[in-house]
Protein backbone atom coordinates (compact mmCIF):
# COMPACT_ATOMS: atom_id res chain seq x y z
CA SER A 1 37.40 153.32 190.83
CA ILE A 2 34.63 153.69 188.30
CA TYR A 3 31.10 154.68 189.32
CA ARG A 4 27.90 154.45 187.30
CA LEU A 5 25.26 157.11 187.60
CA GLY A 6 21.48 156.85 187.26
CA LYS A 7 19.42 156.69 184.07
CA GLN A 8 20.29 160.16 182.84
CA HIS A 9 23.96 159.07 182.60
CA THR A 10 23.62 155.47 181.41
CA ASN A 11 26.18 155.96 178.61
CA GLN A 12 28.74 157.68 180.79
CA GLN A 13 31.14 156.63 183.49
CA ILE A 14 32.85 158.69 186.13
CA ASP A 15 36.50 158.17 186.95
CA ARG A 16 38.50 159.64 189.79
CA ASN A 17 41.42 161.76 188.66
CA LYS A 18 44.61 160.01 189.86
CA HIS A 19 46.40 163.27 190.71
CA HIS A 20 43.37 165.00 192.23
CA PRO A 21 41.22 162.32 193.95
CA ASN A 22 38.38 164.75 194.68
CA THR A 23 38.02 165.62 190.96
CA LEU A 24 35.68 163.52 188.84
CA ILE A 25 36.17 163.00 185.10
CA MET A 26 33.30 162.11 182.74
CA SER A 27 34.23 159.56 180.08
CA GLN A 28 32.09 158.02 177.37
CA LYS A 29 31.66 154.30 176.89
CA THR A 30 32.97 153.09 173.57
CA TYR A 31 31.37 150.67 171.16
CA GLN A 32 32.55 148.49 168.31
CA VAL A 33 30.50 147.75 165.21
CA TYR A 34 30.97 144.26 163.84
CA ILE A 35 29.92 142.05 160.94
CA LEU A 36 29.42 138.33 161.48
CA LYS A 37 29.07 135.92 158.56
CA ASN A 38 28.09 132.25 158.52
CA ARG A 39 28.85 129.51 156.00
CA MET A 40 25.59 130.24 154.12
CA ASN A 41 26.86 133.82 153.63
CA ARG A 42 24.17 135.20 155.94
CA ARG A 43 25.36 138.32 157.73
CA PHE A 44 24.61 139.80 161.12
CA ILE A 45 25.62 143.39 161.86
CA GLY A 46 25.69 144.63 165.43
CA LYS A 47 27.38 146.90 167.95
CA ALA A 48 28.71 146.14 171.41
CA GLU A 49 31.17 147.38 174.00
CA ASP A 50 33.18 144.19 173.37
CA ALA A 51 32.59 142.78 169.88
CA HIS A 52 34.69 139.67 170.46
CA ALA A 53 32.72 138.69 173.58
CA GLU A 54 29.51 139.30 171.62
CA HIS A 55 30.80 137.06 168.80
CA THR A 56 31.41 134.28 171.33
CA ALA A 57 27.90 134.74 172.75
CA HIS A 58 26.37 134.44 169.25
CA ASN A 59 28.24 131.16 168.71
CA LYS A 60 27.07 129.83 172.09
CA GLY A 61 23.48 130.38 170.96
CA GLN A 62 22.74 133.11 173.51
CA PHE A 63 20.83 135.25 170.98
CA LYS A 64 17.49 133.97 169.70
CA GLY A 65 17.78 135.69 166.31
CA THR A 66 21.15 134.19 165.38
CA LYS A 67 21.08 130.87 167.24
CA ALA A 68 19.74 128.83 164.29
CA PHE A 69 22.40 130.15 161.91
CA LYS A 70 25.60 129.49 163.88
CA PRO A 71 28.53 129.11 163.70
CA TRP A 72 29.48 132.70 162.93
CA GLN A 73 32.84 134.06 161.82
CA MET A 74 33.94 137.62 162.55
CA GLU A 75 34.09 139.19 159.10
CA TRP A 76 34.97 142.72 160.25
CA CYS A 77 35.18 144.77 163.43
CA SER A 78 35.58 148.53 163.87
CA GLY A 79 37.76 150.26 166.38
CA HIS A 80 36.24 151.89 169.45
CA LEU A 81 33.60 154.51 168.64
CA SER A 82 31.25 156.84 170.47
CA ARG A 83 27.66 155.62 170.78
CA ASN A 84 26.43 158.02 168.08
CA ASP A 85 29.20 157.10 165.63
CA ALA A 86 28.58 153.39 166.25
CA LEU A 87 24.83 153.81 165.68
CA ARG A 88 25.43 155.67 162.40
CA LEU A 89 27.95 153.12 161.12
CA GLU A 90 25.79 150.16 162.15
CA GLU A 91 22.79 151.63 160.32
CA GLU A 92 24.83 152.34 157.19
CA LEU A 93 26.22 148.79 157.15
CA ARG A 94 22.78 147.23 157.76
CA HIS A 95 21.35 149.21 154.86
CA HIS A 96 23.87 147.51 152.53
CA LYS A 97 24.32 144.13 154.24
CA THR A 98 23.51 142.09 151.10
CA ASN A 99 25.86 144.14 148.91
CA THR A 100 29.38 142.83 149.58
CA SER A 101 31.16 145.44 147.46
CA MET A 102 29.31 148.27 149.21
CA LEU A 103 30.16 146.79 152.64
CA GLU A 104 33.81 146.60 151.62
CA SER A 105 33.70 150.21 150.46
CA ILE A 106 32.10 151.44 153.72
CA THR A 107 34.47 149.48 155.97
CA HIS A 108 37.48 150.62 153.93
CA LYS A 109 36.40 154.28 154.15
CA HIS A 110 35.84 153.86 157.89
CA GLU A 111 39.34 152.40 158.36
CA MET A 112 40.83 155.29 156.36
CA GLY A 113 39.03 157.80 158.58
CA MET A 114 36.88 159.13 155.74
């Protein structure tokens, strides 16, 4: 079973060790950074625990800021990252979101582990 702690541990989960049920293991949530693009070439860059569910929510109009610009296509999605790594990557991508060649360079470097 997974238990959530109070505010001081909002980004962490506790799991019971299968072999030692009285031992707790701290594990970090993971996040994905994603780029959505619409037919007018407008981009939205975000992060979420489940990027594909977030993509669906954007296309259902559940987000005020992207509702008027749907439908959205998933242009790129990262693997699972720590919160800090996801925040850094999201910020870097947002800084260059109108520069397609720079976005391609950043995503390629990320995929290569650079």
